PDB file of N, CA and C in Angstrom:
ATOM      1  N   MET A   1       9.049 -32.013  -9.557  1.00  0.00           N
ATOM      2  CA  MET A   1       8.180 -31.338 -10.497  1.00  0.00           C
ATOM      3  C   MET A   1       7.165 -32.317 -11.054  1.00  0.00           C
ATOM      4  N   ASN A   2       5.968 -31.829 -11.248  1.00  0.00           N
ATOM      5  CA  ASN A   2       4.895 -32.655 -11.792  1.00  0.00           C
ATOM      6  C   ASN A   2       4.780 -32.382 -13.284  1.00  0.00           C
ATOM      7  N   PHE A   3       5.138 -33.372 -14.098  1.00  0.00           N
ATOM      8  CA  PHE A   3       5.089 -33.188 -15.541  1.00  0.00           C
ATOM      9  C   PHE A   3       3.792 -33.713 -16.143  1.00  0.00           C
ATOM     10  N   ASP A   4       2.812 -34.057 -15.298  1.00  0.00           N
ATOM     11  CA  ASP A   4       1.571 -34.635 -15.784  1.00  0.00           C
ATOM     12  C   ASP A   4       0.476 -33.608 -16.019  1.00  0.00           C
ATOM     13  N   MET A   5       0.718 -32.341 -15.745  1.00  0.00           N
ATOM     14  CA  MET A   5      -0.314 -31.331 -15.925  1.00  0.00           C
ATOM     15  C   MET A   5      -0.508 -31.067 -17.417  1.00  0.00           C
ATOM     16  N   PRO A   6      -1.726 -30.709 -17.817  1.00  0.00           N
ATOM     17  CA  PRO A   6      -1.990 -30.450 -19.233  1.00  0.00           C
ATOM     18  C   PRO A   6      -1.192 -29.258 -19.754  1.00  0.00           C
ATOM     19  N   ASP A   7      -0.933 -29.278 -21.062  1.00  0.00           N
ATOM     20  CA  ASP A   7      -0.177 -28.192 -21.676  1.00  0.00           C
ATOM     21  C   ASP A   7      -0.967 -26.892 -21.734  1.00  0.00           C
ATOM     22  N   ASP A   8      -2.271 -26.939 -21.471  1.00  0.00           N
ATOM     23  CA  ASP A   8      -3.071 -25.726 -21.524  1.00  0.00           C
ATOM     24  C   ASP A   8      -3.126 -25.021 -20.172  1.00  0.00           C
ATOM     25  N   ALA A   9      -2.263 -25.396 -19.247  1.00  0.00           N
ATOM     26  CA  ALA A   9      -2.243 -24.769 -17.927  1.00  0.00           C
ATOM     27  C   ALA A   9      -1.921 -23.282 -18.057  1.00  0.00           C
ATOM     28  N   LYS A  10      -2.548 -22.493 -17.210  1.00  0.00           N
ATOM     29  CA  LYS A  10      -2.259 -21.067 -17.137  1.00  0.00           C
ATOM     30  C   LYS A  10      -0.872 -20.907 -16.515  1.00  0.00           C
ATOM     31  N   ILE A  11      -0.047 -20.034 -17.097  1.00  0.00           N
ATOM     32  CA  ILE A  11       1.315 -19.835 -16.626  1.00  0.00           C
ATOM     33  C   ILE A  11       1.455 -18.447 -16.014  1.00  0.00           C
ATOM     34  N   ILE A  12       2.050 -18.412 -14.820  1.00  0.00           N
ATOM     35  CA  ILE A  12       2.399 -17.145 -14.176  1.00  0.00           C
ATOM     36  C   ILE A  12       3.909 -17.144 -13.986  1.00  0.00           C
ATOM     37  N   TYR A  13       4.550 -16.098 -14.450  1.00  0.00           N
ATOM     38  CA  TYR A  13       5.992 -15.955 -14.321  1.00  0.00           C
ATOM     39  C   TYR A  13       6.274 -14.810 -13.350  1.00  0.00           C
ATOM     40  N   CYS A  14       7.054 -15.083 -12.306  1.00  0.00           N
ATOM     41  CA  CYS A  14       7.443 -14.059 -11.338  1.00  0.00           C
ATOM     42  C   CYS A  14       8.878 -13.639 -11.615  1.00  0.00           C
ATOM     43  N   HIS A  15       9.096 -12.361 -11.790  1.00  0.00           N
ATOM     44  CA  HIS A  15      10.445 -11.870 -12.091  1.00  0.00           C
ATOM     45  C   HIS A  15      11.281 -11.627 -10.825  1.00  0.00           C
ATOM     46  N   CYS A  16      10.683 -11.823  -9.661  1.00  0.00           N
ATOM     47  CA  CYS A  16      11.416 -11.653  -8.388  1.00  0.00           C
ATOM     48  C   CYS A  16      12.257 -10.379  -8.412  1.00  0.00           C
ATOM     49  N   ALA A  17      11.633  -9.290  -8.799  1.00  0.00           N
ATOM     50  CA  ALA A  17      12.342  -8.033  -9.008  1.00  0.00           C
ATOM     51  C   ALA A  17      12.890  -7.426  -7.721  1.00  0.00           C
ATOM     52  N   TYR A  18      12.221  -7.632  -6.604  1.00  0.00           N
ATOM     53  CA  TYR A  18      12.641  -6.970  -5.373  1.00  0.00           C
ATOM     54  C   TYR A  18      13.461  -7.878  -4.471  1.00  0.00           C
ATOM     55  N   ALA A  19      13.045  -9.119  -4.326  1.00  0.00           N
ATOM     56  CA  ALA A  19      13.794 -10.039  -3.470  1.00  0.00           C
ATOM     57  C   ALA A  19      15.107 -10.447  -4.120  1.00  0.00           C
ATOM     58  N   GLN A  20      15.128 -10.534  -5.427  1.00  0.00           N
ATOM     59  CA  GLN A  20      16.314 -10.902  -6.199  1.00  0.00           C
ATOM     60  C   GLN A  20      16.976 -12.172  -5.678  1.00  0.00           C
ATOM     61  N   VAL A  21      16.156 -13.205  -5.428  1.00  0.00           N
ATOM     62  CA  VAL A  21      16.683 -14.478  -4.942  1.00  0.00           C
ATOM     63  C   VAL A  21      16.871 -15.496  -6.063  1.00  0.00           C
ATOM     64  N   VAL A  22      16.294 -15.221  -7.216  1.00  0.00           N
ATOM     65  CA  VAL A  22      16.436 -16.112  -8.369  1.00  0.00           C
ATOM     66  C   VAL A  22      17.587 -15.581  -9.218  1.00  0.00           C
ATOM     67  N   PRO A  23      18.490 -16.458  -9.647  1.00  0.00           N
ATOM     68  CA  PRO A  23      19.616 -15.993 -10.480  1.00  0.00           C
ATOM     69  C   PRO A  23      19.126 -15.220 -11.704  1.00  0.00           C
ATOM     70  N   LYS A  24      19.756 -14.076 -11.943  1.00  0.00           N
ATOM     71  CA  LYS A  24      19.350 -13.190 -13.034  1.00  0.00           C
ATOM     72  C   LYS A  24      19.329 -13.902 -14.385  1.00  0.00           C
ATOM     73  N   ALA A  25      20.340 -14.700 -14.664  1.00  0.00           N
ATOM     74  CA  ALA A  25      20.416 -15.392 -15.955  1.00  0.00           C
ATOM     75  C   ALA A  25      19.249 -16.360 -16.127  1.00  0.00           C
ATOM     76  N   VAL A  26      18.869 -17.041 -15.065  1.00  0.00           N
ATOM     77  CA  VAL A  26      17.746 -17.987 -15.135  1.00  0.00           C
ATOM     78  C   VAL A  26      16.460 -17.230 -15.429  1.00  0.00           C
ATOM     79  N   LYS A  27      16.202 -16.165 -14.668  1.00  0.00           N
ATOM     80  CA  LYS A  27      14.984 -15.375 -14.895  1.00  0.00           C
ATOM     81  C   LYS A  27      14.908 -14.879 -16.329  1.00  0.00           C
ATOM     82  N   GLU A  28      15.991 -14.304 -16.806  1.00  0.00           N
ATOM     83  CA  GLU A  28      15.993 -13.723 -18.151  1.00  0.00           C
ATOM     84  C   GLU A  28      15.792 -14.772 -19.229  1.00  0.00           C
ATOM     85  N   GLN A  29      16.457 -15.931 -19.092  1.00  0.00           N
ATOM     86  CA  GLN A  29      16.327 -16.974 -20.105  1.00  0.00           C
ATOM     87  C   GLN A  29      14.934 -17.599 -20.093  1.00  0.00           C
ATOM     88  N   VAL A  30      14.382 -17.833 -18.914  1.00  0.00           N
ATOM     89  CA  VAL A  30      13.037 -18.406 -18.830  1.00  0.00           C
ATOM     90  C   VAL A  30      12.035 -17.427 -19.439  1.00  0.00           C
ATOM     91  N   LEU A  31      12.124 -16.158 -19.081  1.00  0.00           N
ATOM     92  CA  LEU A  31      11.209 -15.156 -19.618  1.00  0.00           C
ATOM     93  C   LEU A  31      11.332 -15.062 -21.132  1.00  0.00           C
ATOM     94  N   GLN A  32      12.539 -15.043 -21.645  1.00  0.00           N
ATOM     95  CA  GLN A  32      12.743 -14.955 -23.096  1.00  0.00           C
ATOM     96  C   GLN A  32      12.127 -16.161 -23.803  1.00  0.00           C
ATOM     97  N   GLN A  33      12.352 -17.347 -23.256  1.00  0.00           N
ATOM     98  CA  GLN A  33      11.832 -18.543 -23.915  1.00  0.00           C
ATOM     99  C   GLN A  33      10.319 -18.647 -23.793  1.00  0.00           C
ATOM    100  N   LEU A  34       9.751 -18.147 -22.704  1.00  0.00           N
ATOM    101  CA  LEU A  34       8.294 -18.083 -22.616  1.00  0.00           C
ATOM    102  C   LEU A  34       7.750 -17.162 -23.708  1.00  0.00           C
ATOM    103  N   ALA A  35       8.354 -15.994 -23.842  1.00  0.00           N
ATOM    104  CA  ALA A  35       7.906 -15.029 -24.849  1.00  0.00           C
ATOM    105  C   ALA A  35       8.022 -15.601 -26.258  1.00  0.00           C
ATOM    106  N   GLU A  36       9.105 -16.314 -26.533  1.00  0.00           N
ATOM    107  CA  GLU A  36       9.320 -16.878 -27.867  1.00  0.00           C
ATOM    108  C   GLU A  36       8.452 -18.105 -28.140  1.00  0.00           C
ATOM    109  N   SER A  37       7.893 -18.702 -27.111  1.00  0.00           N
ATOM    110  CA  SER A  37       7.121 -19.934 -27.281  1.00  0.00           C
ATOM    111  C   SER A  37       5.775 -19.708 -27.960  1.00  0.00           C
ATOM    112  N   GLY A  38       5.255 -18.499 -27.866  1.00  0.00           N
ATOM    113  CA  GLY A  38       3.934 -18.225 -28.403  1.00  0.00           C
ATOM    114  C   GLY A  38       2.805 -18.553 -27.438  1.00  0.00           C
ATOM    115  N   ARG A  39       3.128 -19.174 -26.301  1.00  0.00           N
ATOM    116  CA  ARG A  39       2.119 -19.493 -25.282  1.00  0.00           C
ATOM    117  C   ARG A  39       1.762 -18.240 -24.494  1.00  0.00           C
ATOM    118  N   ALA A  40       0.507 -18.131 -24.127  1.00  0.00           N
ATOM    119  CA  ALA A  40       0.065 -17.023 -23.287  1.00  0.00           C
ATOM    120  C   ALA A  40       0.578 -17.246 -21.870  1.00  0.00           C
ATOM    121  N   PHE A  41       0.998 -16.170 -21.224  1.00  0.00           N
ATOM    122  CA  PHE A  41       1.409 -16.243 -19.825  1.00  0.00           C
ATOM    123  C   PHE A  41       1.266 -14.869 -19.195  1.00  0.00           C
ATOM    124  N   ASP A  42       1.173 -14.847 -17.897  1.00  0.00           N
ATOM    125  CA  ASP A  42       1.122 -13.596 -17.140  1.00  0.00           C
ATOM    126  C   ASP A  42       2.462 -13.412 -16.451  1.00  0.00           C
ATOM    127  N   ALA A  43       3.082 -12.257 -16.622  1.00  0.00           N
ATOM    128  CA  ALA A  43       4.342 -11.948 -15.960  1.00  0.00           C
ATOM    129  C   ALA A  43       4.069 -10.892 -14.895  1.00  0.00           C
ATOM    130  N   VAL A  44       4.570 -11.143 -13.699  1.00  0.00           N
ATOM    131  CA  VAL A  44       4.444 -10.174 -12.612  1.00  0.00           C
ATOM    132  C   VAL A  44       5.836  -9.793 -12.143  1.00  0.00           C
ATOM    133  N   ALA A  45       5.971  -8.585 -11.645  1.00  0.00           N
ATOM    134  CA  ALA A  45       7.281  -8.116 -11.185  1.00  0.00           C
ATOM    135  C   ALA A  45       7.746  -8.906  -9.968  1.00  0.00           C
ATOM    136  N   ASP A  46       6.854  -9.101  -8.985  1.00  0.00           N
ATOM    137  CA  ASP A  46       7.271  -9.770  -7.759  1.00  0.00           C
ATOM    138  C   ASP A  46       6.050 -10.249  -6.968  1.00  0.00           C
ATOM    139  N   LEU A  47       5.881 -11.574  -6.881  1.00  0.00           N
ATOM    140  CA  LEU A  47       4.766 -12.139  -6.119  1.00  0.00           C
ATOM    141  C   LEU A  47       4.861 -11.795  -4.640  1.00  0.00           C
ATOM    142  N   CYS A  48       6.070 -11.710  -4.107  1.00  0.00           N
ATOM    143  CA  CYS A  48       6.241 -11.359  -2.691  1.00  0.00           C
ATOM    144  C   CYS A  48       5.653  -9.981  -2.411  1.00  0.00           C
ATOM    145  N   GLU A  49       5.976  -9.019  -3.260  1.00  0.00           N
ATOM    146  CA  GLU A  49       5.460  -7.664  -3.069  1.00  0.00           C
ATOM    147  C   GLU A  49       3.938  -7.642  -3.224  1.00  0.00           C
ATOM    148  N   MET A  50       3.435  -8.342  -4.240  1.00  0.00           N
ATOM    149  CA  MET A  50       1.989  -8.387  -4.449  1.00  0.00           C
ATOM    150  C   MET A  50       1.290  -8.978  -3.228  1.00  0.00           C
ATOM    151  N   SER A  51       1.867 -10.030  -2.668  1.00  0.00           N
ATOM    152  CA  SER A  51       1.287 -10.662  -1.481  1.00  0.00           C
ATOM    153  C   SER A  51       1.334  -9.725  -0.286  1.00  0.00           C
ATOM    154  N   ALA A  52       2.464  -9.061  -0.095  1.00  0.00           N
ATOM    155  CA  ALA A  52       2.618  -8.140   1.032  1.00  0.00           C
ATOM    156  C   ALA A  52       1.609  -7.000   0.966  1.00  0.00           C
ATOM    157  N   LYS A  53       1.283  -6.579  -0.251  1.00  0.00           N
ATOM    158  CA  LYS A  53       0.327  -5.477  -0.440  1.00  0.00           C
ATOM    159  C   LYS A  53      -1.106  -5.962  -0.601  1.00  0.00           C
ATOM    160  N   ASN A  54      -1.317  -7.287  -0.459  1.00  0.00           N
ATOM    161  CA  ASN A  54      -2.647  -7.878  -0.672  1.00  0.00           C
ATOM    162  C   ASN A  54      -3.247  -7.413  -1.989  1.00  0.00           C
ATOM    163  N   ASP A  55      -2.459  -7.438  -3.014  1.00  0.00           N
ATOM    164  CA  ASP A  55      -2.886  -7.003  -4.340  1.00  0.00           C
ATOM    165  C   ASP A  55      -4.061  -7.857  -4.809  1.00  0.00           C
ATOM    166  N   PRO A  56      -5.198  -7.233  -5.133  1.00  0.00           N
ATOM    167  CA  PRO A  56      -6.376  -7.995  -5.567  1.00  0.00           C
ATOM    168  C   PRO A  56      -6.155  -8.748  -6.882  1.00  0.00           C
ATOM    169  N   MET A  57      -5.154  -8.369  -7.632  1.00  0.00           N
ATOM    170  CA  MET A  57      -4.862  -9.046  -8.892  1.00  0.00           C
ATOM    171  C   MET A  57      -4.423 -10.498  -8.655  1.00  0.00           C
ATOM    172  N   LEU A  58      -3.881 -10.787  -7.472  1.00  0.00           N
ATOM    173  CA  LEU A  58      -3.437 -12.148  -7.159  1.00  0.00           C
ATOM    174  C   LEU A  58      -4.575 -13.154  -7.291  1.00  0.00           C
ATOM    175  N   LYS A  59      -5.741 -12.794  -6.762  1.00  0.00           N
ATOM    176  CA  LYS A  59      -6.879 -13.722  -6.823  1.00  0.00           C
ATOM    177  C   LYS A  59      -7.268 -14.017  -8.264  1.00  0.00           C
ATOM    178  N   SER A  60      -7.335 -12.993  -9.087  1.00  0.00           N
ATOM    179  CA  SER A  60      -7.729 -13.227 -10.478  1.00  0.00           C
ATOM    180  C   SER A  60      -6.651 -14.002 -11.230  1.00  0.00           C
ATOM    181  N   LEU A  61      -5.389 -13.760 -10.918  1.00  0.00           N
ATOM    182  CA  LEU A  61      -4.303 -14.502 -11.566  1.00  0.00           C
ATOM    183  C   LEU A  61      -4.358 -15.985 -11.239  1.00  0.00           C
ATOM    184  N   CYS A  62      -4.708 -16.299  -9.998  1.00  0.00           N
ATOM    185  CA  CYS A  62      -4.628 -17.677  -9.509  1.00  0.00           C
ATOM    186  C   CYS A  62      -5.960 -18.420  -9.536  1.00  0.00           C
ATOM    187  N   GLU A  63      -6.997 -17.835 -10.109  1.00  0.00           N
ATOM    188  CA  GLU A  63      -8.305 -18.495 -10.165  1.00  0.00           C
ATOM    189  C   GLU A  63      -8.259 -19.728 -11.055  1.00  0.00           C
ATOM    190  N   GLY A  64      -9.087 -20.686 -10.715  1.00  0.00           N
ATOM    191  CA  GLY A  64      -9.222 -21.885 -11.536  1.00  0.00           C
ATOM    192  C   GLY A  64      -8.096 -22.870 -11.301  1.00  0.00           C
ATOM    193  N   GLY A  65      -8.196 -23.997 -11.957  1.00  0.00           N
ATOM    194  CA  GLY A  65      -7.170 -25.026 -11.842  1.00  0.00           C
ATOM    195  C   GLY A  65      -6.160 -24.909 -12.960  1.00  0.00           C
ATOM    196  N   ASN A  66      -5.362 -25.938 -13.129  1.00  0.00           N
ATOM    197  CA  ASN A  66      -4.345 -25.994 -14.185  1.00  0.00           C
ATOM    198  C   ASN A  66      -3.494 -24.730 -14.217  1.00  0.00           C
ATOM    199  N   LEU A  67      -2.740 -24.543 -13.150  1.00  0.00           N
ATOM    200  CA  LEU A  67      -1.931 -23.348 -12.974  1.00  0.00           C
ATOM    201  C   LEU A  67      -0.476 -23.738 -12.747  1.00  0.00           C
ATOM    202  N   LYS A  68       0.428 -23.074 -13.457  1.00  0.00           N
ATOM    203  CA  LYS A  68       1.864 -23.270 -13.252  1.00  0.00           C
ATOM    204  C   LYS A  68       2.469 -21.914 -12.926  1.00  0.00           C
ATOM    205  N   ILE A  69       3.232 -21.867 -11.836  1.00  0.00           N
ATOM    206  CA  ILE A  69       3.847 -20.621 -11.396  1.00  0.00           C
ATOM    207  C   ILE A  69       5.361 -20.797 -11.386  1.00  0.00           C
ATOM    208  N   ALA A  70       6.065 -19.983 -12.151  1.00  0.00           N
ATOM    209  CA  ALA A  70       7.526 -19.985 -12.140  1.00  0.00           C
ATOM    210  C   ALA A  70       7.962 -18.916 -11.154  1.00  0.00           C
ATOM    211  N   ALA A  71       8.553 -19.343 -10.053  1.00  0.00           N
ATOM    212  CA  ALA A  71       8.953 -18.401  -9.004  1.00  0.00           C
ATOM    213  C   ALA A  71      10.126 -18.984  -8.228  1.00  0.00           C
ATOM    214  N   CYS A  72       9.916 -19.182  -6.916  1.00  0.00           N
ATOM    215  CA  CYS A  72      10.993 -19.770  -6.105  1.00  0.00           C
ATOM    216  C   CYS A  72      10.454 -20.988  -5.371  1.00  0.00           C
ATOM    217  N   TYR A  73      10.773 -21.145  -4.098  1.00  0.00           N
ATOM    218  CA  TYR A  73      10.386 -22.351  -3.370  1.00  0.00           C
ATOM    219  C   TYR A  73       8.865 -22.502  -3.290  1.00  0.00           C
ATOM    220  N   PRO A  74       8.334 -23.655  -3.706  1.00  0.00           N
ATOM    221  CA  PRO A  74       6.882 -23.861  -3.702  1.00  0.00           C
ATOM    222  C   PRO A  74       6.225 -23.571  -2.348  1.00  0.00           C
ATOM    223  N   ARG A  75       6.835 -24.039  -1.272  1.00  0.00           N
ATOM    224  CA  ARG A  75       6.254 -23.814   0.053  1.00  0.00           C
ATOM    225  C   ARG A  75       6.156 -22.318   0.356  1.00  0.00           C
ATOM    226  N   ALA A  76       7.192 -21.549  -0.011  1.00  0.00           N
ATOM    227  CA  ALA A  76       7.200 -20.108   0.224  1.00  0.00           C
ATOM    228  C   ALA A  76       6.120 -19.411  -0.602  1.00  0.00           C
ATOM    229  N   VAL A  77       5.994 -19.804  -1.858  1.00  0.00           N
ATOM    230  CA  VAL A  77       4.991 -19.184  -2.739  1.00  0.00           C
ATOM    231  C   VAL A  77       3.589 -19.465  -2.212  1.00  0.00           C
ATOM    232  N   ARG A  78       3.321 -20.722  -1.850  1.00  0.00           N
ATOM    233  CA  ARG A  78       2.002 -21.071  -1.314  1.00  0.00           C
ATOM    234  C   ARG A  78       1.709 -20.289  -0.028  1.00  0.00           C
ATOM    235  N   TRP A  79       2.712 -20.153   0.841  1.00  0.00           N
ATOM    236  CA  TRP A  79       2.521 -19.432   2.102  1.00  0.00           C
ATOM    237  C   TRP A  79       2.261 -17.958   1.837  1.00  0.00           C
ATOM    238  N   LEU A  80       3.045 -17.347   0.941  1.00  0.00           N
ATOM    239  CA  LEU A  80       2.852 -15.931   0.622  1.00  0.00           C
ATOM    240  C   LEU A  80       1.466 -15.672   0.050  1.00  0.00           C
ATOM    241  N   LEU A  81       1.056 -16.530  -0.884  1.00  0.00           N
ATOM    242  CA  LEU A  81      -0.269 -16.361  -1.473  1.00  0.00           C
ATOM    243  C   LEU A  81      -1.351 -16.545  -0.421  1.00  0.00           C
ATOM    244  N   ALA A  82      -1.208 -17.557   0.439  1.00  0.00           N
ATOM    245  CA  ALA A  82      -2.202 -17.794   1.492  1.00  0.00           C
ATOM    246  C   ALA A  82      -2.293 -16.598   2.437  1.00  0.00           C
ATOM    247  N   SER A  83      -1.152 -15.969   2.714  1.00  0.00           N
ATOM    248  CA  SER A  83      -1.182 -14.794   3.606  1.00  0.00           C
ATOM    249  C   SER A  83      -1.937 -13.632   2.979  1.00  0.00           C
ATOM    250  N   ALA A  84      -2.069 -13.655   1.654  1.00  0.00           N
ATOM    251  CA  ALA A  84      -2.826 -12.623   0.940  1.00  0.00           C
ATOM    252  C   ALA A  84      -4.246 -13.093   0.623  1.00  0.00           C
ATOM    253  N   GLY A  85      -4.630 -14.255   1.180  1.00  0.00           N
ATOM    254  CA  GLY A  85      -5.996 -14.754   0.988  1.00  0.00           C
ATOM    255  C   GLY A  85      -6.197 -15.579  -0.262  1.00  0.00           C
ATOM    256  N   VAL A  86      -5.119 -16.031  -0.890  1.00  0.00           N
ATOM    257  CA  VAL A  86      -5.210 -16.847  -2.103  1.00  0.00           C
ATOM    258  C   VAL A  86      -4.680 -18.236  -1.772  1.00  0.00           C
ATOM    259  N   ASN A  87      -5.561 -19.215  -1.734  1.00  0.00           N
ATOM    260  CA  ASN A  87      -5.153 -20.585  -1.428  1.00  0.00           C
ATOM    261  C   ASN A  87      -5.116 -21.400  -2.709  1.00  0.00           C
ATOM    262  N   LEU A  88      -3.930 -21.843  -3.075  1.00  0.00           N
ATOM    263  CA  LEU A  88      -3.776 -22.679  -4.260  1.00  0.00           C
ATOM    264  C   LEU A  88      -4.236 -24.085  -3.927  1.00  0.00           C
ATOM    265  N   PRO A  89      -4.925 -24.727  -4.852  1.00  0.00           N
ATOM    266  CA  PRO A  89      -5.308 -26.121  -4.608  1.00  0.00           C
ATOM    267  C   PRO A  89      -4.072 -27.020  -4.629  1.00  0.00           C
ATOM    268  N   GLU A  90      -4.112 -28.090  -3.851  1.00  0.00           N
ATOM    269  CA  GLU A  90      -2.985 -29.033  -3.840  1.00  0.00           C
ATOM    270  C   GLU A  90      -2.813 -29.686  -5.208  1.00  0.00           C
ATOM    271  N   ALA A  91      -3.930 -30.021  -5.849  1.00  0.00           N
ATOM    272  CA  ALA A  91      -3.891 -30.614  -7.193  1.00  0.00           C
ATOM    273  C   ALA A  91      -4.301 -29.534  -8.191  1.00  0.00           C
ATOM    274  N   GLY A  92      -3.626 -29.481  -9.304  1.00  0.00           N
ATOM    275  CA  GLY A  92      -3.986 -28.515 -10.342  1.00  0.00           C
ATOM    276  C   GLY A  92      -3.196 -27.226 -10.280  1.00  0.00           C
ATOM    277  N   ALA A  93      -2.283 -27.106  -9.324  1.00  0.00           N
ATOM    278  CA  ALA A  93      -1.414 -25.930  -9.245  1.00  0.00           C
ATOM    279  C   ALA A  93       0.001 -26.409  -8.951  1.00  0.00           C
ATOM    280  N   GLU A  94       0.937 -25.965  -9.764  1.00  0.00           N
ATOM    281  CA  GLU A  94       2.326 -26.363  -9.597  1.00  0.00           C
ATOM    282  C   GLU A  94       3.202 -25.114  -9.523  1.00  0.00           C
ATOM    283  N   VAL A  95       4.122 -25.111  -8.574  1.00  0.00           N
ATOM    284  CA  VAL A  95       5.091 -24.023  -8.460  1.00  0.00           C
ATOM    285  C   VAL A  95       6.447 -24.579  -8.879  1.00  0.00           C
ATOM    286  N   ILE A  96       7.039 -23.959  -9.888  1.00  0.00           N
ATOM    287  CA  ILE A  96       8.342 -24.392 -10.387  1.00  0.00           C
ATOM    288  C   ILE A  96       9.393 -23.463  -9.796  1.00  0.00           C
ATOM    289  N   ASN A  97      10.415 -24.056  -9.220  1.00  0.00           N
ATOM    290  CA  ASN A  97      11.421 -23.318  -8.468  1.00  0.00           C
ATOM    291  C   ASN A  97      12.576 -22.865  -9.362  1.00  0.00           C
ATOM    292  N   MET A  98      12.533 -21.598  -9.806  1.00  0.00           N
ATOM    293  CA  MET A  98      13.617 -21.062 -10.633  1.00  0.00           C
ATOM    294  C   MET A  98      14.864 -20.767  -9.807  1.00  0.00           C
ATOM    295  N   ARG A  99      14.717 -20.790  -8.508  1.00  0.00           N
ATOM    296  CA  ARG A  99      15.854 -20.502  -7.631  1.00  0.00           C
ATOM    297  C   ARG A  99      16.889 -21.629  -7.653  1.00  0.00           C
ATOM    298  N   VAL A 100      16.422 -22.872  -7.821  1.00  0.00           N
ATOM    299  CA  VAL A 100      17.344 -24.005  -7.767  1.00  0.00           C
ATOM    300  C   VAL A 100      17.363 -24.864  -9.037  1.00  0.00           C
ATOM    301  N   GLU A 101      16.322 -24.794  -9.843  1.00  0.00           N
ATOM    302  CA  GLU A 101      16.253 -25.630 -11.046  1.00  0.00           C
ATOM    303  C   GLU A 101      16.937 -24.931 -12.223  1.00  0.00           C
ATOM    304  N   PRO A 102      17.565 -25.700 -13.103  1.00  0.00           N
ATOM    305  CA  PRO A 102      18.169 -25.099 -14.303  1.00  0.00           C
ATOM    306  C   PRO A 102      17.088 -24.662 -15.293  1.00  0.00           C
ATOM    307  N   VAL A 103      17.462 -23.754 -16.164  1.00  0.00           N
ATOM    308  CA  VAL A 103      16.536 -23.203 -17.151  1.00  0.00           C
ATOM    309  C   VAL A 103      15.808 -24.305 -17.909  1.00  0.00           C
ATOM    310  N   GLU A 104      16.532 -25.338 -18.338  1.00  0.00           N
ATOM    311  CA  GLU A 104      15.940 -26.400 -19.146  1.00  0.00           C
ATOM    312  C   GLU A 104      14.780 -27.075 -18.419  1.00  0.00           C
ATOM    313  N   LYS A 105      14.940 -27.361 -17.143  1.00  0.00           N
ATOM    314  CA  LYS A 105      13.875 -28.011 -16.370  1.00  0.00           C
ATOM    315  C   LYS A 105      12.693 -27.078 -16.163  1.00  0.00           C
ATOM    316  N   VAL A 106      12.969 -25.807 -15.924  1.00  0.00           N
ATOM    317  CA  VAL A 106      11.886 -24.838 -15.718  1.00  0.00           C
ATOM    318  C   VAL A 106      11.065 -24.706 -16.992  1.00  0.00           C
ATOM    319  N   VAL A 107      11.733 -24.525 -18.126  1.00  0.00           N
ATOM    320  CA  VAL A 107      11.031 -24.367 -19.404  1.00  0.00           C
ATOM    321  C   VAL A 107      10.226 -25.622 -19.730  1.00  0.00           C
ATOM    322  N   PHE A 108      10.820 -26.793 -19.516  1.00  0.00           N
ATOM    323  CA  PHE A 108      10.107 -28.045 -19.777  1.00  0.00           C
ATOM    324  C   PHE A 108       8.876 -28.157 -18.874  1.00  0.00           C
ATOM    325  N   ALA A 109       9.017 -27.815 -17.604  1.00  0.00           N
ATOM    326  CA  ALA A 109       7.896 -27.899 -16.672  1.00  0.00           C
ATOM    327  C   ALA A 109       6.781 -26.927 -17.052  1.00  0.00           C
ATOM    328  N   LEU A 110       7.140 -25.767 -17.563  1.00  0.00           N
ATOM    329  CA  LEU A 110       6.142 -24.764 -17.938  1.00  0.00           C
ATOM    330  C   LEU A 110       5.477 -25.067 -19.274  1.00  0.00           C
ATOM    331  N   LEU A 111       6.262 -25.481 -20.248  1.00  0.00           N
ATOM    332  CA  LEU A 111       5.761 -25.581 -21.622  1.00  0.00           C
ATOM    333  C   LEU A 111       5.529 -26.997 -22.119  1.00  0.00           C
ATOM    334  N   GLY A 112       6.089 -27.975 -21.445  1.00  0.00           N
ATOM    335  CA  GLY A 112       5.846 -29.351 -21.833  1.00  0.00           C
ATOM    336  C   GLY A 112       6.834 -29.885 -22.843  1.00  0.00           C
ATOM    337  N   GLU A 113       6.545 -31.102 -23.282  1.00  0.00           N
ATOM    338  CA  GLU A 113       7.446 -31.839 -24.165  1.00  0.00           C
ATOM    339  C   GLU A 113       7.700 -31.179 -25.501  1.00  0.00           C
ATOM    340  N   GLY A 114       6.730 -30.472 -26.030  1.00  0.00           N
ATOM    341  CA  GLY A 114       6.856 -29.897 -27.358  1.00  0.00           C
ATOM    342  C   GLY A 114       7.876 -28.777 -27.450  1.00  0.00           C
ATOM    343  N   PHE A 115       8.354 -28.313 -26.308  1.00  0.00           N
ATOM    344  CA  PHE A 115       9.292 -27.196 -26.302  1.00  0.00           C
ATOM    345  C   PHE A 115      10.606 -27.638 -25.698  1.00  0.00           C
ATOM    346  N   LYS A 116      11.673 -27.320 -26.357  1.00  0.00           N
ATOM    347  CA  LYS A 116      13.010 -27.612 -25.859  1.00  0.00           C
ATOM    348  C   LYS A 116      13.674 -26.285 -25.503  1.00  0.00           C
ATOM    349  N   ALA A 117      14.205 -26.205 -24.316  1.00  0.00           N
ATOM    350  CA  ALA A 117      14.893 -24.985 -23.907  1.00  0.00           C
ATOM    351  C   ALA A 117      16.151 -24.819 -24.738  1.00  0.00           C
ATOM    352  N   ARG A 118      16.366 -23.608 -25.191  1.00  0.00           N
ATOM    353  CA  ARG A 118      17.595 -23.292 -25.897  1.00  0.00           C
ATOM    354  C   ARG A 118      18.692 -23.097 -24.878  1.00  0.00           C
ATOM    355  N   GLU A 119      19.890 -23.413 -25.273  1.00  0.00           N
ATOM    356  CA  GLU A 119      21.032 -23.151 -24.402  1.00  0.00           C
ATOM    357  C   GLU A 119      21.339 -21.668 -24.458  1.00  0.00           C
ATOM    358  N   ALA A 120      21.874 -21.154 -23.364  1.00  0.00           N
ATOM    359  CA  ALA A 120      22.219 -19.734 -23.302  1.00  0.00           C
ATOM    360  C   ALA A 120      23.271 -19.419 -24.346  1.00  0.00           C
ATOM    361  N   SER A 121      23.110 -18.244 -24.967  1.00  0.00           N
ATOM    362  CA  SER A 121      24.104 -17.839 -25.981  1.00  0.00           C
ATOM    363  C   SER A 121      25.106 -16.873 -25.416  1.00  0.00           C
TER     364      SER A 121
END
């Protein structure tokens, strides 16, 4: 994970609603902590589905630099987006893998040092 990106990065959260490859508890805790953080973010039901349908919203979501995407494997996300005509820049875009990383690392990667992930209750 790249922790050097600015805290003003645009955040996209994927709920992986259809593929269901991200552990439910991780998705729910990350989403809750994003909502409680006060930071603006875009939540989508499923990037895979959006990519498969060539959803035009993908381009507007991913425009510009300083982008953080909470989803699954970075290589898979980049490939899916590219198949829908959205090419993420190598620098300025980070994909955080909720499939394998613990909630604390995901929240830290998305929100930065000023935010500490709460432990699950």
